[in-house]
Structure formats: structure tokens, C-alpha cells
Amino acid sequence: MFRINNKILLTLSSLLLLTACGSSSKSTPQPYQPLNLSHKSESFKQGAHDGCLTATEKYKKNHEAFNNDFDYNEGWWAGRRNCEGREYAEY
């Protein structure tokens, strides 16, 4: 009778399990969702505007505010992430 070594069976099972959990090389882009700025500070809104400009047209960042104002910094990153690879959207 054909006998399979336990180590080989364990290795093959592990490989099969790990390959099943892999992600595909192409991910489906998420639909564009504008940032909800309704309850955000003016500083956050300005940061989002500047971050979006940076992602779509030209680099724009108020370095003083970016380094010292948490809301501006968070807004800048949110605007940049939200607008990367898209046409400029006015905030």
C-alpha cells in the first residue's frame, strides 16, 4: 500500500492553506467618497484642501501648521489619501 510521510503531508497541507489565503495582485478600486467635513475645524478643512492639491496638481503644505497643528496635519493626510489618483475635488 502507498504510504505518505507525515512531514510531506503536513508541508503540502500548509502550502495549500497558505496559498488559499493570498490576495490577488489586482485589487478593486474603492468608489470615490468625498470627505465628510461637516464637523471638522477650519484647520482640518484647510489641511484637506492642501493635501488634495498635493495629490492631484501641485505640492502644497503649510509646514508650520503641519508640524504644530494636529487638525491641519490630520486633514492634510486625509485629503491626500482621498484624492490620490483622482481629479482635483474642491473642498
PDB file of N, CA and C in Angstrom:
ATOM      1  N   MET A   1       0.843  -1.180   0.000  1.00  0.00           N
ATOM      2  CA  MET A   1       0.000   0.000   0.000  1.00  0.00           C
ATOM      3  C   MET A   1       0.887   1.242   0.000  1.00  0.00           C
ATOM      4  N   PHE A   2       0.407   2.290  -0.644  1.00  0.00           N
ATOM      5  CA  PHE A   2       1.151   3.549  -0.737  1.00  0.00           C
ATOM      6  C   PHE A   2       1.086   4.282   0.589  1.00  0.00           C
ATOM      7  N   ARG A   3       2.251   4.672   1.101  1.00  0.00           N
ATOM      8  CA  ARG A   3       2.308   5.335   2.398  1.00  0.00           C
ATOM      9  C   ARG A   3       2.946   6.710   2.235  1.00  0.00           C
ATOM     10  N   ILE A   4       2.290   7.772   2.780  1.00  0.00           N
ATOM     11  CA  ILE A   4       2.784   9.146   2.690  1.00  0.00           C
ATOM     12  C   ILE A   4       3.430   9.518   4.027  1.00  0.00           C
ATOM     13  N   ASN A   5       4.611  10.057   3.927  1.00  0.00           N
ATOM     14  CA  ASN A   5       5.334  10.519   5.100  1.00  0.00           C
ATOM     15  C   ASN A   5       4.541  11.667   5.731  1.00  0.00           C
ATOM     16  N   ASN A   6       4.430  11.677   7.056  1.00  0.00           N
ATOM     17  CA  ASN A   6       3.665  12.708   7.771  1.00  0.00           C
ATOM     18  C   ASN A   6       4.228  14.109   7.539  1.00  0.00           C
ATOM     19  N   LYS A   7       5.563  14.241   7.443  1.00  0.00           N
ATOM     20  CA  LYS A   7       6.174  15.551   7.211  1.00  0.00           C
ATOM     21  C   LYS A   7       5.790  16.090   5.839  1.00  0.00           C
ATOM     22  N   ILE A   8       5.786  15.227   4.848  1.00  0.00           N
ATOM     23  CA  ILE A   8       5.414  15.658   3.499  1.00  0.00           C
ATOM     24  C   ILE A   8       3.941  16.060   3.471  1.00  0.00           C
ATOM     25  N   LEU A   9       3.095  15.285   4.100  1.00  0.00           N
ATOM     26  CA  LEU A   9       1.667  15.595   4.148  1.00  0.00           C
ATOM     27  C   LEU A   9       1.426  16.927   4.870  1.00  0.00           C
ATOM     28  N   LEU A  10       2.121  17.151   5.961  1.00  0.00           N
ATOM     29  CA  LEU A  10       1.977  18.399   6.706  1.00  0.00           C
ATOM     30  C   LEU A  10       2.461  19.586   5.874  1.00  0.00           C
ATOM     31  N   THR A  11       3.590  19.430   5.189  1.00  0.00           N
ATOM     32  CA  THR A  11       4.126  20.505   4.357  1.00  0.00           C
ATOM     33  C   THR A  11       3.181  20.839   3.215  1.00  0.00           C
ATOM     34  N   LEU A  12       2.697  19.835   2.529  1.00  0.00           N
ATOM     35  CA  LEU A  12       1.763  20.070   1.413  1.00  0.00           C
ATOM     36  C   LEU A  12       0.468  20.715   1.895  1.00  0.00           C
ATOM     37  N   SER A  13      -0.033  20.280   3.021  1.00  0.00           N
ATOM     38  CA  SER A  13      -1.262  20.867   3.571  1.00  0.00           C
ATOM     39  C   SER A  13      -1.046  22.331   3.936  1.00  0.00           C
ATOM     40  N   SER A  14       0.105  22.618   4.541  1.00  0.00           N
ATOM     41  CA  SER A  14       0.418  24.004   4.925  1.00  0.00           C
ATOM     42  C   SER A  14       0.528  24.895   3.700  1.00  0.00           C
ATOM     43  N   LEU A  15       1.205  24.412   2.655  1.00  0.00           N
ATOM     44  CA  LEU A  15       1.335  25.198   1.433  1.00  0.00           C
ATOM     45  C   LEU A  15      -0.021  25.465   0.791  1.00  0.00           C
ATOM     46  N   LEU A  16      -0.853  24.465   0.761  1.00  0.00           N
ATOM     47  CA  LEU A  16      -2.185  24.633   0.188  1.00  0.00           C
ATOM     48  C   LEU A  16      -2.988  25.657   0.984  1.00  0.00           C
ATOM     49  N   LEU A  17      -2.902  25.582   2.285  1.00  0.00           N
ATOM     50  CA  LEU A  17      -3.621  26.519   3.141  1.00  0.00           C
ATOM     51  C   LEU A  17      -3.105  27.946   2.954  1.00  0.00           C
ATOM     52  N   LEU A  18      -1.796  28.120   2.897  1.00  0.00           N
ATOM     53  CA  LEU A  18      -1.226  29.456   2.758  1.00  0.00           C
ATOM     54  C   LEU A  18      -1.513  30.074   1.395  1.00  0.00           C
ATOM     55  N   THR A  19      -1.513  29.283   0.347  1.00  0.00           N
ATOM     56  CA  THR A  19      -1.804  29.847  -0.970  1.00  0.00           C
ATOM     57  C   THR A  19      -3.268  30.222  -1.097  1.00  0.00           C
ATOM     58  N   ALA A  20      -4.131  29.577  -0.375  1.00  0.00           N
ATOM     59  CA  ALA A  20      -5.552  29.915  -0.421  1.00  0.00           C
ATOM     60  C   ALA A  20      -5.827  31.248   0.258  1.00  0.00           C
ATOM     61  N   CYS A  21      -4.948  31.673   1.157  1.00  0.00           N
ATOM     62  CA  CYS A  21      -5.156  32.919   1.891  1.00  0.00           C
ATOM     63  C   CYS A  21      -4.516  34.122   1.210  1.00  0.00           C
ATOM     64  N   GLY A  22      -3.805  33.913   0.134  1.00  0.00           N
ATOM     65  CA  GLY A  22      -3.124  35.011  -0.546  1.00  0.00           C
ATOM     66  C   GLY A  22      -4.105  35.942  -1.218  1.00  0.00           C
ATOM     67  N   SER A  23      -3.669  37.172  -1.424  1.00  0.00           N
ATOM     68  CA  SER A  23      -4.524  38.143  -2.098  1.00  0.00           C
ATOM     69  C   SER A  23      -4.199  38.175  -3.583  1.00  0.00           C
ATOM     70  N   SER A  24      -5.130  38.646  -4.353  1.00  0.00           N
ATOM     71  CA  SER A  24      -4.897  38.758  -5.783  1.00  0.00           C
ATOM     72  C   SER A  24      -3.981  39.952  -6.044  1.00  0.00           C
ATOM     73  N   SER A  25      -3.321  39.965  -7.185  1.00  0.00           N
ATOM     74  CA  SER A  25      -2.381  41.036  -7.485  1.00  0.00           C
ATOM     75  C   SER A  25      -3.097  42.346  -7.811  1.00  0.00           C
ATOM     76  N   LYS A  26      -4.330  42.282  -8.262  1.00  0.00           N
ATOM     77  CA  LYS A  26      -5.098  43.489  -8.577  1.00  0.00           C
ATOM     78  C   LYS A  26      -6.247  43.611  -7.586  1.00  0.00           C
ATOM     79  N   SER A  27      -6.327  44.767  -6.956  1.00  0.00           N
ATOM     80  CA  SER A  27      -7.439  44.997  -6.045  1.00  0.00           C
ATOM     81  C   SER A  27      -8.453  45.903  -6.727  1.00  0.00           C
ATOM     82  N   THR A  28      -9.679  45.749  -6.360  1.00  0.00           N
ATOM     83  CA  THR A  28     -10.741  46.565  -6.924  1.00  0.00           C
ATOM     84  C   THR A  28     -10.679  47.945  -6.286  1.00  0.00           C
ATOM     85  N   PRO A  29     -10.567  49.001  -7.099  1.00  0.00           N
ATOM     86  CA  PRO A  29     -10.525  50.338  -6.509  1.00  0.00           C
ATOM     87  C   PRO A  29     -11.828  50.659  -5.794  1.00  0.00           C
ATOM     88  N   GLN A  30     -11.687  51.325  -4.677  1.00  0.00           N
ATOM     89  CA  GLN A  30     -12.867  51.720  -3.917  1.00  0.00           C
ATOM     90  C   GLN A  30     -13.518  52.921  -4.592  1.00  0.00           C
ATOM     91  N   PRO A  31     -14.846  52.994  -4.576  1.00  0.00           N
ATOM     92  CA  PRO A  31     -15.516  54.150  -5.174  1.00  0.00           C
ATOM     93  C   PRO A  31     -15.158  55.428  -4.415  1.00  0.00           C
ATOM     94  N   TYR A  32     -15.119  56.516  -5.140  1.00  0.00           N
ATOM     95  CA  TYR A  32     -14.773  57.804  -4.537  1.00  0.00           C
ATOM     96  C   TYR A  32     -15.842  58.226  -3.547  1.00  0.00           C
ATOM     97  N   GLN A  33     -15.420  58.581  -2.380  1.00  0.00           N
ATOM     98  CA  GLN A  33     -16.313  59.098  -1.354  1.00  0.00           C
ATOM     99  C   GLN A  33     -15.742  60.423  -0.863  1.00  0.00           C
ATOM    100  N   PRO A  34     -16.438  61.534  -1.063  1.00  0.00           N
ATOM    101  CA  PRO A  34     -15.911  62.806  -0.565  1.00  0.00           C
ATOM    102  C   PRO A  34     -15.760  62.768   0.953  1.00  0.00           C
ATOM    103  N   LEU A  35     -14.789  63.512   1.443  1.00  0.00           N
ATOM    104  CA  LEU A  35     -14.599  63.593   2.884  1.00  0.00           C
ATOM    105  C   LEU A  35     -15.781  64.288   3.533  1.00  0.00           C
ATOM    106  N   ASN A  36     -16.181  63.805   4.673  1.00  0.00           N
ATOM    107  CA  ASN A  36     -17.233  64.459   5.448  1.00  0.00           C
ATOM    108  C   ASN A  36     -16.566  65.504   6.325  1.00  0.00           C
ATOM    109  N   LEU A  37     -16.689  66.751   5.936  1.00  0.00           N
ATOM    110  CA  LEU A  37     -16.037  67.845   6.658  1.00  0.00           C
ATOM    111  C   LEU A  37     -17.008  68.649   7.508  1.00  0.00           C
ATOM    112  N   SER A  38     -18.226  68.165   7.671  1.00  0.00           N
ATOM    113  CA  SER A  38     -19.263  68.957   8.331  1.00  0.00           C
ATOM    114  C   SER A  38     -18.924  69.318   9.782  1.00  0.00           C
ATOM    115  N   HIS A  39     -18.256  68.454  10.505  1.00  0.00           N
ATOM    116  CA  HIS A  39     -17.950  68.744  11.910  1.00  0.00           C
ATOM    117  C   HIS A  39     -16.456  68.911  12.138  1.00  0.00           C
ATOM    118  N   LYS A  40     -15.735  69.287  11.104  1.00  0.00           N
ATOM    119  CA  LYS A  40     -14.285  69.452  11.203  1.00  0.00           C
ATOM    120  C   LYS A  40     -13.927  70.917  11.368  1.00  0.00           C
ATOM    121  N   SER A  41     -12.780  71.145  11.978  1.00  0.00           N
ATOM    122  CA  SER A  41     -12.318  72.519  12.195  1.00  0.00           C
ATOM    123  C   SER A  41     -11.867  73.129  10.872  1.00  0.00           C
ATOM    124  N   GLU A  42     -11.762  74.450  10.869  1.00  0.00           N
ATOM    125  CA  GLU A  42     -11.270  75.146   9.667  1.00  0.00           C
ATOM    126  C   GLU A  42      -9.848  74.720   9.345  1.00  0.00           C
ATOM    127  N   SER A  43      -9.078  74.439  10.370  1.00  0.00           N
ATOM    128  CA  SER A  43      -7.705  73.996  10.177  1.00  0.00           C
ATOM    129  C   SER A  43      -7.668  72.637   9.471  1.00  0.00           C
ATOM    130  N   PHE A  44      -8.538  71.721   9.878  1.00  0.00           N
ATOM    131  CA  PHE A  44      -8.625  70.412   9.223  1.00  0.00           C
ATOM    132  C   PHE A  44      -9.037  70.585   7.760  1.00  0.00           C
ATOM    133  N   LYS A  45     -10.037  71.440   7.528  1.00  0.00           N
ATOM    134  CA  LYS A  45     -10.516  71.674   6.156  1.00  0.00           C
ATOM    135  C   LYS A  45      -9.409  72.245   5.272  1.00  0.00           C
ATOM    136  N   GLN A  46      -8.624  73.180   5.810  1.00  0.00           N
ATOM    137  CA  GLN A  46      -7.523  73.744   5.032  1.00  0.00           C
ATOM    138  C   GLN A  46      -6.475  72.678   4.749  1.00  0.00           C
ATOM    139  N   GLY A  47      -6.188  71.845   5.739  1.00  0.00           N
ATOM    140  CA  GLY A  47      -5.246  70.744   5.535  1.00  0.00           C
ATOM    141  C   GLY A  47      -5.736  69.772   4.472  1.00  0.00           C
ATOM    142  N   ALA A  48      -7.032  69.452   4.494  1.00  0.00           N
ATOM    143  CA  ALA A  48      -7.600  68.542   3.492  1.00  0.00           C
ATOM    144  C   ALA A  48      -7.495  69.148   2.096  1.00  0.00           C
ATOM    145  N   HIS A  49      -7.747  70.432   1.996  1.00  0.00           N
ATOM    146  CA  HIS A  49      -7.634  71.141   0.717  1.00  0.00           C
ATOM    147  C   HIS A  49      -6.191  71.070   0.201  1.00  0.00           C
ATOM    148  N   ASP A  50      -5.234  71.376   1.069  1.00  0.00           N
ATOM    149  CA  ASP A  50      -3.830  71.368   0.669  1.00  0.00           C
ATOM    150  C   ASP A  50      -3.346  69.951   0.332  1.00  0.00           C
ATOM    151  N   GLY A  51      -3.774  68.983   1.113  1.00  0.00           N
ATOM    152  CA  GLY A  51      -3.391  67.593   0.852  1.00  0.00           C
ATOM    153  C   GLY A  51      -3.945  67.092  -0.468  1.00  0.00           C
ATOM    154  N   CYS A  52      -5.167  67.482  -0.776  1.00  0.00           N
ATOM    155  CA  CYS A  52      -5.772  67.091  -2.055  1.00  0.00           C
ATOM    156  C   CYS A  52      -5.033  67.748  -3.212  1.00  0.00           C
ATOM    157  N   LEU A  53      -4.697  69.015  -3.070  1.00  0.00           N
ATOM    158  CA  LEU A  53      -3.903  69.683  -4.114  1.00  0.00           C
ATOM    159  C   LEU A  53      -2.581  68.954  -4.329  1.00  0.00           C
ATOM    160  N   THR A  54      -1.947  68.556  -3.244  1.00  0.00           N
ATOM    161  CA  THR A  54      -0.672  67.851  -3.336  1.00  0.00           C
ATOM    162  C   THR A  54      -0.834  66.542  -4.104  1.00  0.00           C
ATOM    163  N   ALA A  55      -1.910  65.843  -3.877  1.00  0.00           N
ATOM    164  CA  ALA A  55      -2.121  64.551  -4.522  1.00  0.00           C
ATOM    165  C   ALA A  55      -2.496  64.678  -5.992  1.00  0.00           C
ATOM    166  N   THR A  56      -3.047  65.822  -6.387  1.00  0.00           N
ATOM    167  CA  THR A  56      -3.591  65.909  -7.740  1.00  0.00           C
ATOM    168  C   THR A  56      -2.910  66.914  -8.650  1.00  0.00           C
ATOM    169  N   GLU A  57      -2.423  68.009  -8.130  1.00  0.00           N
ATOM    170  CA  GLU A  57      -1.888  69.052  -9.003  1.00  0.00           C
ATOM    171  C   GLU A  57      -0.464  69.439  -8.659  1.00  0.00           C
ATOM    172  N   LYS A  58      -0.313  70.021  -7.508  1.00  0.00           N
ATOM    173  CA  LYS A  58       0.999  70.527  -7.106  1.00  0.00           C
ATOM    174  C   LYS A  58       1.144  70.419  -5.606  1.00  0.00           C
ATOM    175  N   TYR A  59       2.382  70.357  -5.177  1.00  0.00           N
ATOM    176  CA  TYR A  59       2.676  70.237  -3.754  1.00  0.00           C
ATOM    177  C   TYR A  59       2.256  71.503  -3.024  1.00  0.00           C
ATOM    178  N   LYS A  60       1.458  71.322  -1.978  1.00  0.00           N
ATOM    179  CA  LYS A  60       1.058  72.457  -1.151  1.00  0.00           C
ATOM    180  C   LYS A  60       0.942  71.980   0.289  1.00  0.00           C
ATOM    181  N   LYS A  61       1.704  72.625   1.155  1.00  0.00           N
ATOM    182  CA  LYS A  61       1.652  72.284   2.579  1.00  0.00           C
ATOM    183  C   LYS A  61       2.139  73.478   3.380  1.00  0.00           C
ATOM    184  N   ASN A  62       1.386  73.841   4.380  1.00  0.00           N
ATOM    185  CA  ASN A  62       1.816  74.848   5.329  1.00  0.00           C
ATOM    186  C   ASN A  62       2.637  74.100   6.383  1.00  0.00           C
ATOM    187  N   HIS A  63       3.963  74.170   6.257  1.00  0.00           N
ATOM    188  CA  HIS A  63       4.835  73.372   7.118  1.00  0.00           C
ATOM    189  C   HIS A  63       4.700  73.738   8.596  1.00  0.00           C
ATOM    190  N   GLU A  64       4.499  74.988   8.878  1.00  0.00           N
ATOM    191  CA  GLU A  64       4.322  75.414  10.270  1.00  0.00           C
ATOM    192  C   GLU A  64       3.075  74.753  10.861  1.00  0.00           C
ATOM    193  N   ALA A  65       1.967  74.834  10.140  1.00  0.00           N
ATOM    194  CA  ALA A  65       0.724  74.216  10.622  1.00  0.00           C
ATOM    195  C   ALA A  65       0.845  72.695  10.627  1.00  0.00           C
ATOM    196  N   PHE A  66       1.478  72.123   9.613  1.00  0.00           N
ATOM    197  CA  PHE A  66       1.626  70.670   9.531  1.00  0.00           C
ATOM    198  C   PHE A  66       2.385  70.130  10.743  1.00  0.00           C
ATOM    199  N   ASN A  67       3.408  70.845  11.170  1.00  0.00           N
ATOM    200  CA  ASN A  67       4.237  70.387  12.283  1.00  0.00           C
ATOM    201  C   ASN A  67       3.666  70.720  13.655  1.00  0.00           C
ATOM    202  N   ASN A  68       2.778  71.716  13.740  1.00  0.00           N
ATOM    203  CA  ASN A  68       2.323  72.176  15.047  1.00  0.00           C
ATOM    204  C   ASN A  68       0.818  72.103  15.282  1.00  0.00           C
ATOM    205  N   ASP A  69       0.041  71.858  14.251  1.00  0.00           N
ATOM    206  CA  ASP A  69      -1.415  71.841  14.376  1.00  0.00           C
ATOM    207  C   ASP A  69      -1.929  70.449  14.000  1.00  0.00           C
ATOM    208  N   PHE A  70      -2.390  69.713  15.005  1.00  0.00           N
ATOM    209  CA  PHE A  70      -2.844  68.346  14.796  1.00  0.00           C
ATOM    210  C   PHE A  70      -3.968  68.272  13.761  1.00  0.00           C
ATOM    211  N   ASP A  71      -4.931  69.186  13.835  1.00  0.00           N
ATOM    212  CA  ASP A  71      -6.063  69.160  12.897  1.00  0.00           C
ATOM    213  C   ASP A  71      -5.593  69.369  11.457  1.00  0.00           C
ATOM    214  N   TYR A  72      -4.710  70.334  11.246  1.00  0.00           N
ATOM    215  CA  TYR A  72      -4.193  70.570   9.893  1.00  0.00           C
ATOM    216  C   TYR A  72      -3.462  69.331   9.387  1.00  0.00           C
ATOM    217  N   ASN A  73      -2.621  68.752  10.218  1.00  0.00           N
ATOM    218  CA  ASN A  73      -1.854  67.561   9.843  1.00  0.00           C
ATOM    219  C   ASN A  73      -2.786  66.417   9.459  1.00  0.00           C
ATOM    220  N   GLU A  74      -3.776  66.135  10.295  1.00  0.00           N
ATOM    221  CA  GLU A  74      -4.729  65.061  10.003  1.00  0.00           C
ATOM    222  C   GLU A  74      -5.525  65.355   8.736  1.00  0.00           C
ATOM    223  N   GLY A  75      -5.929  66.604   8.564  1.00  0.00           N
ATOM    224  CA  GLY A  75      -6.664  66.990   7.362  1.00  0.00           C
ATOM    225  C   GLY A  75      -5.817  66.848   6.108  1.00  0.00           C
ATOM    226  N   TRP A  76      -4.537  67.229   6.203  1.00  0.00           N
ATOM    227  CA  TRP A  76      -3.639  67.132   5.040  1.00  0.00           C
ATOM    228  C   TRP A  76      -3.511  65.680   4.591  1.00  0.00           C
ATOM    229  N   TRP A  77      -3.274  64.777   5.548  1.00  0.00           N
ATOM    230  CA  TRP A  77      -3.156  63.355   5.188  1.00  0.00           C
ATOM    231  C   TRP A  77      -4.478  62.797   4.670  1.00  0.00           C
ATOM    232  N   ALA A  78      -5.587  63.180   5.267  1.00  0.00           N
ATOM    233  CA  ALA A  78      -6.896  62.692   4.809  1.00  0.00           C
ATOM    234  C   ALA A  78      -7.173  63.184   3.392  1.00  0.00           C
ATOM    235  N   GLY A  79      -6.885  64.450   3.120  1.00  0.00           N
ATOM    236  CA  GLY A  79      -7.102  65.000   1.785  1.00  0.00           C
ATOM    237  C   GLY A  79      -6.207  64.343   0.753  1.00  0.00           C
ATOM    238  N   ARG A  80      -4.959  64.112   1.120  1.00  0.00           N
ATOM    239  CA  ARG A  80      -4.034  63.475   0.178  1.00  0.00           C
ATOM    240  C   ARG A  80      -4.469  62.056  -0.145  1.00  0.00           C
ATOM    241  N   ARG A  81      -4.788  61.261   0.890  1.00  0.00           N
ATOM    242  CA  ARG A  81      -5.227  59.874   0.657  1.00  0.00           C
ATOM    243  C   ARG A  81      -6.518  59.837  -0.150  1.00  0.00           C
ATOM    244  N   ASN A  82      -7.415  60.759   0.128  1.00  0.00           N
ATOM    245  CA  ASN A  82      -8.715  60.756  -0.529  1.00  0.00           C
ATOM    246  C   ASN A  82      -8.632  61.156  -2.002  1.00  0.00           C
ATOM    247  N   CYS A  83      -7.643  61.944  -2.369  1.00  0.00           N
ATOM    248  CA  CYS A  83      -7.566  62.462  -3.733  1.00  0.00           C
ATOM    249  C   CYS A  83      -6.498  61.789  -4.595  1.00  0.00           C
ATOM    250  N   GLU A  84      -5.688  60.911  -4.048  1.00  0.00           N
ATOM    251  CA  GLU A  84      -4.638  60.278  -4.847  1.00  0.00           C
ATOM    252  C   GLU A  84      -5.252  59.540  -6.028  1.00  0.00           C
ATOM    253  N   GLY A  85      -4.708  59.802  -7.211  1.00  0.00           N
ATOM    254  CA  GLY A  85      -5.168  59.121  -8.412  1.00  0.00           C
ATOM    255  C   GLY A  85      -6.498  59.621  -8.944  1.00  0.00           C
ATOM    256  N   ARG A  86      -6.971  60.748  -8.484  1.00  0.00           N
ATOM    257  CA  ARG A  86      -8.264  61.288  -8.925  1.00  0.00           C
ATOM    258  C   ARG A  86      -8.076  62.713  -9.428  1.00  0.00           C
ATOM    259  N   GLU A  87      -9.077  63.188 -10.100  1.00  0.00           N
ATOM    260  CA  GLU A  87      -9.105  64.599 -10.494  1.00  0.00           C
ATOM    261  C   GLU A  87      -9.263  65.424  -9.227  1.00  0.00           C
ATOM    262  N   TYR A  88      -8.786  66.657  -9.265  1.00  0.00           N
ATOM    263  CA  TYR A  88      -8.892  67.529  -8.098  1.00  0.00           C
ATOM    264  C   TYR A  88     -10.348  67.775  -7.756  1.00  0.00           C
ATOM    265  N   ALA A  89     -10.660  67.627  -6.482  1.00  0.00           N
ATOM    266  CA  ALA A  89     -12.011  67.913  -5.981  1.00  0.00           C
ATOM    267  C   ALA A  89     -11.916  69.062  -4.992  1.00  0.00           C
ATOM    268  N   GLU A  90     -12.609  70.120  -5.242  1.00  0.00           N
ATOM    269  CA  GLU A  90     -12.572  71.307  -4.376  1.00  0.00           C
ATOM    270  C   GLU A  90     -13.176  70.970  -3.028  1.00  0.00           C
ATOM    271  N   TYR A  91     -12.481  71.324  -1.963  1.00  0.00           N
ATOM    272  CA  TYR A  91     -13.002  71.156  -0.605  1.00  0.00           C
ATOM    273  C   TYR A  91     -13.407  72.488  -0.063  1.00  0.00           C
TER     274      TYR A  91
END
